[in-house]
Amino acid sequence: MEQKKHILKATRVLSMSKTTKERISSIAKDIKGKELFPEKIELAKKTLSKIKTLPI
């Protein structure tokens, strides 16, 4: 059985210059895999370590 690939069309695309696209891509490469908010992550880990069970 063949599955059809859906073609997605972009909507609400912002037009930007080539240099802007290059700057955004270089910044995205720099922050990829980094923790952006280390203080908040440590606080959340401390808070969640005190909880034994989560009410569901």
PDB file of N, CA and C in Angstrom:
ATOM      1  N   MET A   1       0.831  -1.181   0.000  1.00  0.00           N
ATOM      2  CA  MET A   1       0.000   0.000   0.000  1.00  0.00           C
ATOM      3  C   MET A   1       0.879   1.250   0.000  1.00  0.00           C
ATOM      4  N   GLU A   2       0.554   2.161  -0.837  1.00  0.00           N
ATOM      5  CA  GLU A   2       1.321   3.395  -0.897  1.00  0.00           C
ATOM      6  C   GLU A   2       0.683   4.450  -0.011  1.00  0.00           C
ATOM      7  N   GLN A   3       1.549   5.174   0.680  1.00  0.00           N
ATOM      8  CA  GLN A   3       1.056   6.284   1.487  1.00  0.00           C
ATOM      9  C   GLN A   3       1.415   7.579   0.782  1.00  0.00           C
ATOM     10  N   LYS A   4       0.452   8.460   0.713  1.00  0.00           N
ATOM     11  CA  LYS A   4       0.708   9.742   0.073  1.00  0.00           C
ATOM     12  C   LYS A   4       1.389  10.668   1.060  1.00  0.00           C
ATOM     13  N   LYS A   5       2.389  11.359   0.579  1.00  0.00           N
ATOM     14  CA  LYS A   5       3.064  12.355   1.406  1.00  0.00           C
ATOM     15  C   LYS A   5       2.308  13.667   1.263  1.00  0.00           C
ATOM     16  N   HIS A   6       1.980  14.241   2.391  1.00  0.00           N
ATOM     17  CA  HIS A   6       1.258  15.503   2.376  1.00  0.00           C
ATOM     18  C   HIS A   6       2.251  16.644   2.187  1.00  0.00           C
ATOM     19  N   ILE A   7       1.892  17.565   1.344  1.00  0.00           N
ATOM     20  CA  ILE A   7       2.716  18.738   1.127  1.00  0.00           C
ATOM     21  C   ILE A   7       2.196  19.843   2.033  1.00  0.00           C
ATOM     22  N   LEU A   8       3.068  20.323   2.898  1.00  0.00           N
ATOM     23  CA  LEU A   8       2.682  21.387   3.817  1.00  0.00           C
ATOM     24  C   LEU A   8       3.061  22.731   3.217  1.00  0.00           C
ATOM     25  N   LYS A   9       2.143  23.639   3.262  1.00  0.00           N
ATOM     26  CA  LYS A   9       2.414  24.985   2.768  1.00  0.00           C
ATOM     27  C   LYS A   9       2.540  25.916   3.961  1.00  0.00           C
ATOM     28  N   ALA A  10       3.556  26.734   3.941  1.00  0.00           N
ATOM     29  CA  ALA A  10       3.790  27.667   5.031  1.00  0.00           C
ATOM     30  C   ALA A  10       2.802  28.820   4.952  1.00  0.00           C
ATOM     31  N   THR A  11       2.281  29.176   6.108  1.00  0.00           N
ATOM     32  CA  THR A  11       1.396  30.335   6.167  1.00  0.00           C
ATOM     33  C   THR A  11       1.995  31.335   7.136  1.00  0.00           C
ATOM     34  N   ARG A  12       1.720  32.558   6.922  1.00  0.00           N
ATOM     35  CA  ARG A  12       2.211  33.653   7.759  1.00  0.00           C
ATOM     36  C   ARG A  12       3.742  33.647   7.847  1.00  0.00           C
ATOM     37  N   VAL A  13       4.393  33.572   6.722  1.00  0.00           N
ATOM     38  CA  VAL A  13       5.849  33.568   6.669  1.00  0.00           C
ATOM     39  C   VAL A  13       6.336  35.011   6.688  1.00  0.00           C
ATOM     40  N   LEU A  14       7.272  35.282   7.572  1.00  0.00           N
ATOM     41  CA  LEU A  14       7.850  36.614   7.637  1.00  0.00           C
ATOM     42  C   LEU A  14       8.973  36.718   6.614  1.00  0.00           C
ATOM     43  N   SER A  15       8.951  37.771   5.851  1.00  0.00           N
ATOM     44  CA  SER A  15      10.028  37.959   4.889  1.00  0.00           C
ATOM     45  C   SER A  15      11.202  38.598   5.611  1.00  0.00           C
ATOM     46  N   MET A  16      12.392  38.071   5.327  1.00  0.00           N
ATOM     47  CA  MET A  16      13.588  38.623   5.954  1.00  0.00           C
ATOM     48  C   MET A  16      14.749  38.482   4.990  1.00  0.00           C
ATOM     49  N   SER A  17      15.753  39.278   5.234  1.00  0.00           N
ATOM     50  CA  SER A  17      16.895  39.267   4.333  1.00  0.00           C
ATOM     51  C   SER A  17      17.760  38.033   4.566  1.00  0.00           C
ATOM     52  N   LYS A  18      18.659  37.797   3.642  1.00  0.00           N
ATOM     53  CA  LYS A  18      19.541  36.632   3.721  1.00  0.00           C
ATOM     54  C   LYS A  18      20.461  36.742   4.938  1.00  0.00           C
ATOM     55  N   THR A  19      20.945  37.937   5.229  1.00  0.00           N
ATOM     56  CA  THR A  19      21.839  38.108   6.382  1.00  0.00           C
ATOM     57  C   THR A  19      21.111  37.845   7.690  1.00  0.00           C
ATOM     58  N   THR A  20      19.853  38.236   7.774  1.00  0.00           N
ATOM     59  CA  THR A  20      19.061  37.975   8.973  1.00  0.00           C
ATOM     60  C   THR A  20      18.855  36.481   9.163  1.00  0.00           C
ATOM     61  N   LYS A  21      18.560  35.764   8.083  1.00  0.00           N
ATOM     62  CA  LYS A  21      18.403  34.318   8.167  1.00  0.00           C
ATOM     63  C   LYS A  21      19.688  33.651   8.627  1.00  0.00           C
ATOM     64  N   GLU A  22      20.821  34.126   8.122  1.00  0.00           N
ATOM     65  CA  GLU A  22      22.114  33.559   8.515  1.00  0.00           C
ATOM     66  C   GLU A  22      22.401  33.819   9.986  1.00  0.00           C
ATOM     67  N   ARG A  23      22.084  35.025  10.470  1.00  0.00           N
ATOM     68  CA  ARG A  23      22.310  35.346  11.884  1.00  0.00           C
ATOM     69  C   ARG A  23      21.430  34.497  12.783  1.00  0.00           C
ATOM     70  N   ILE A  24      20.176  34.311  12.406  1.00  0.00           N
ATOM     71  CA  ILE A  24      19.262  33.495  13.202  1.00  0.00           C
ATOM     72  C   ILE A  24      19.744  32.051  13.236  1.00  0.00           C
ATOM     73  N   SER A  25      20.187  31.533  12.100  1.00  0.00           N
ATOM     74  CA  SER A  25      20.654  30.141  12.074  1.00  0.00           C
ATOM     75  C   SER A  25      21.927  29.964  12.883  1.00  0.00           C
ATOM     76  N   SER A  26      22.824  30.942  12.874  1.00  0.00           N
ATOM     77  CA  SER A  26      24.050  30.821  13.671  1.00  0.00           C
ATOM     78  C   SER A  26      23.744  30.889  15.160  1.00  0.00           C
ATOM     79  N   ILE A  27      22.809  31.724  15.561  1.00  0.00           N
ATOM     80  CA  ILE A  27      22.415  31.803  16.968  1.00  0.00           C
ATOM     81  C   ILE A  27      21.727  30.517  17.394  1.00  0.00           C
ATOM     82  N   ALA A  28      20.876  29.965  16.529  1.00  0.00           N
ATOM     83  CA  ALA A  28      20.193  28.709  16.846  1.00  0.00           C
ATOM     84  C   ALA A  28      21.194  27.578  17.020  1.00  0.00           C
ATOM     85  N   LYS A  29      22.247  27.550  16.212  1.00  0.00           N
ATOM     86  CA  LYS A  29      23.285  26.525  16.360  1.00  0.00           C
ATOM     87  C   LYS A  29      24.028  26.690  17.674  1.00  0.00           C
ATOM     88  N   ASP A  30      24.252  27.943  18.091  1.00  0.00           N
ATOM     89  CA  ASP A  30      24.980  28.204  19.341  1.00  0.00           C
ATOM     90  C   ASP A  30      24.198  27.741  20.558  1.00  0.00           C
ATOM     91  N   ILE A  31      22.890  27.963  20.577  1.00  0.00           N
ATOM     92  CA  ILE A  31      22.115  27.642  21.782  1.00  0.00           C
ATOM     93  C   ILE A  31      21.559  26.228  21.769  1.00  0.00           C
ATOM     94  N   LYS A  32      21.722  25.499  20.681  1.00  0.00           N
ATOM     95  CA  LYS A  32      21.184  24.141  20.600  1.00  0.00           C
ATOM     96  C   LYS A  32      21.888  23.246  21.610  1.00  0.00           C
ATOM     97  N   GLY A  33      21.108  22.618  22.475  1.00  0.00           N
ATOM     98  CA  GLY A  33      21.649  21.689  23.455  1.00  0.00           C
ATOM     99  C   GLY A  33      22.118  22.339  24.754  1.00  0.00           C
ATOM    100  N   LYS A  34      22.059  23.649  24.844  1.00  0.00           N
ATOM    101  CA  LYS A  34      22.481  24.332  26.067  1.00  0.00           C
ATOM    102  C   LYS A  34      21.287  24.569  26.981  1.00  0.00           C
ATOM    103  N   GLU A  35      21.560  24.597  28.272  1.00  0.00           N
ATOM    104  CA  GLU A  35      20.515  24.950  29.227  1.00  0.00           C
ATOM    105  C   GLU A  35      20.442  26.471  29.287  1.00  0.00           C
ATOM    106  N   LEU A  36      19.286  27.000  28.948  1.00  0.00           N
ATOM    107  CA  LEU A  36      19.144  28.452  28.885  1.00  0.00           C
ATOM    108  C   LEU A  36      18.856  29.068  30.247  1.00  0.00           C
ATOM    109  N   PHE A  37      18.251  28.294  31.152  1.00  0.00           N
ATOM    110  CA  PHE A  37      17.895  28.811  32.463  1.00  0.00           C
ATOM    111  C   PHE A  37      18.402  27.857  33.547  1.00  0.00           C
ATOM    112  N   PRO A  38      19.711  27.790  33.793  1.00  0.00           N
ATOM    113  CA  PRO A  38      20.237  26.812  34.745  1.00  0.00           C
ATOM    114  C   PRO A  38      19.754  27.028  36.179  1.00  0.00           C
ATOM    115  N   GLU A  39      19.571  28.281  36.594  1.00  0.00           N
ATOM    116  CA  GLU A  39      19.125  28.545  37.966  1.00  0.00           C
ATOM    117  C   GLU A  39      17.713  28.011  38.188  1.00  0.00           C
ATOM    118  N   LYS A  40      16.839  28.253  37.222  1.00  0.00           N
ATOM    119  CA  LYS A  40      15.454  27.801  37.355  1.00  0.00           C
ATOM    120  C   LYS A  40      15.362  26.279  37.280  1.00  0.00           C
ATOM    121  N   ILE A  41      16.216  25.663  36.492  1.00  0.00           N
ATOM    122  CA  ILE A  41      16.222  24.208  36.390  1.00  0.00           C
ATOM    123  C   ILE A  41      16.660  23.590  37.711  1.00  0.00           C
ATOM    124  N   GLU A  42      17.687  24.159  38.342  1.00  0.00           N
ATOM    125  CA  GLU A  42      18.153  23.646  39.640  1.00  0.00           C
ATOM    126  C   GLU A  42      17.072  23.816  40.708  1.00  0.00           C
ATOM    127  N   LEU A  43      16.385  24.960  40.712  1.00  0.00           N
ATOM    128  CA  LEU A  43      15.306  25.192  41.665  1.00  0.00           C
ATOM    129  C   LEU A  43      14.184  24.184  41.458  1.00  0.00           C
ATOM    130  N   ALA A  44      13.835  23.906  40.208  1.00  0.00           N
ATOM    131  CA  ALA A  44      12.780  22.935  39.922  1.00  0.00           C
ATOM    132  C   ALA A  44      13.198  21.529  40.357  1.00  0.00           C
ATOM    133  N   LYS A  45      14.472  21.179  40.165  1.00  0.00           N
ATOM    134  CA  LYS A  45      14.953  19.859  40.584  1.00  0.00           C
ATOM    135  C   LYS A  45      14.882  19.718  42.095  1.00  0.00           C
ATOM    136  N   LYS A  46      15.260  20.771  42.823  1.00  0.00           N
ATOM    137  CA  LYS A  46      15.192  20.735  44.287  1.00  0.00           C
ATOM    138  C   LYS A  46      13.746  20.592  44.753  1.00  0.00           C
ATOM    139  N   THR A  47      12.861  21.348  44.138  1.00  0.00           N
ATOM    140  CA  THR A  47      11.450  21.314  44.520  1.00  0.00           C
ATOM    141  C   THR A  47      10.853  19.945  44.235  1.00  0.00           C
ATOM    142  N   LEU A  48      11.138  19.390  43.067  1.00  0.00           N
ATOM    143  CA  LEU A  48      10.563  18.104  42.700  1.00  0.00           C
ATOM    144  C   LEU A  48      11.177  16.943  43.472  1.00  0.00           C
ATOM    145  N   SER A  49      12.408  17.115  43.958  1.00  0.00           N
ATOM    146  CA  SER A  49      13.022  16.025  44.734  1.00  0.00           C
ATOM    147  C   SER A  49      12.356  15.856  46.084  1.00  0.00           C
ATOM    148  N   LYS A  50      11.711  16.904  46.595  1.00  0.00           N
ATOM    149  CA  LYS A  50      11.027  16.832  47.886  1.00  0.00           C
ATOM    150  C   LYS A  50       9.661  16.146  47.759  1.00  0.00           C
ATOM    151  N   ILE A  51       9.114  16.107  46.567  1.00  0.00           N
ATOM    152  CA  ILE A  51       7.804  15.506  46.352  1.00  0.00           C
ATOM    153  C   ILE A  51       7.986  14.006  46.162  1.00  0.00           C
ATOM    154  N   LYS A  52       7.267  13.221  46.946  1.00  0.00           N
ATOM    155  CA  LYS A  52       7.373  11.767  46.826  1.00  0.00           C
ATOM    156  C   LYS A  52       6.389  11.219  45.799  1.00  0.00           C
ATOM    157  N   THR A  53       5.177  11.724  45.799  1.00  0.00           N
ATOM    158  CA  THR A  53       4.193  11.294  44.824  1.00  0.00           C
ATOM    159  C   THR A  53       3.481  12.509  44.258  1.00  0.00           C
ATOM    160  N   LEU A  54       3.114  12.409  43.009  1.00  0.00           N
ATOM    161  CA  LEU A  54       2.394  13.508  42.370  1.00  0.00           C
ATOM    162  C   LEU A  54       0.906  13.179  42.364  1.00  0.00           C
ATOM    163  N   PRO A  55       0.071  14.110  42.800  1.00  0.00           N
ATOM    164  CA  PRO A  55      -1.374  13.859  42.754  1.00  0.00           C
ATOM    165  C   PRO A  55      -1.859  13.908  41.307  1.00  0.00           C
ATOM    166  N   ILE A  56      -2.525  12.852  40.909  1.00  0.00           N
ATOM    167  CA  ILE A  56      -3.013  12.788  39.526  1.00  0.00           C
ATOM    168  C   ILE A  56      -4.532  12.713  39.554  1.00  0.00           C
TER     169      ILE A  56
END
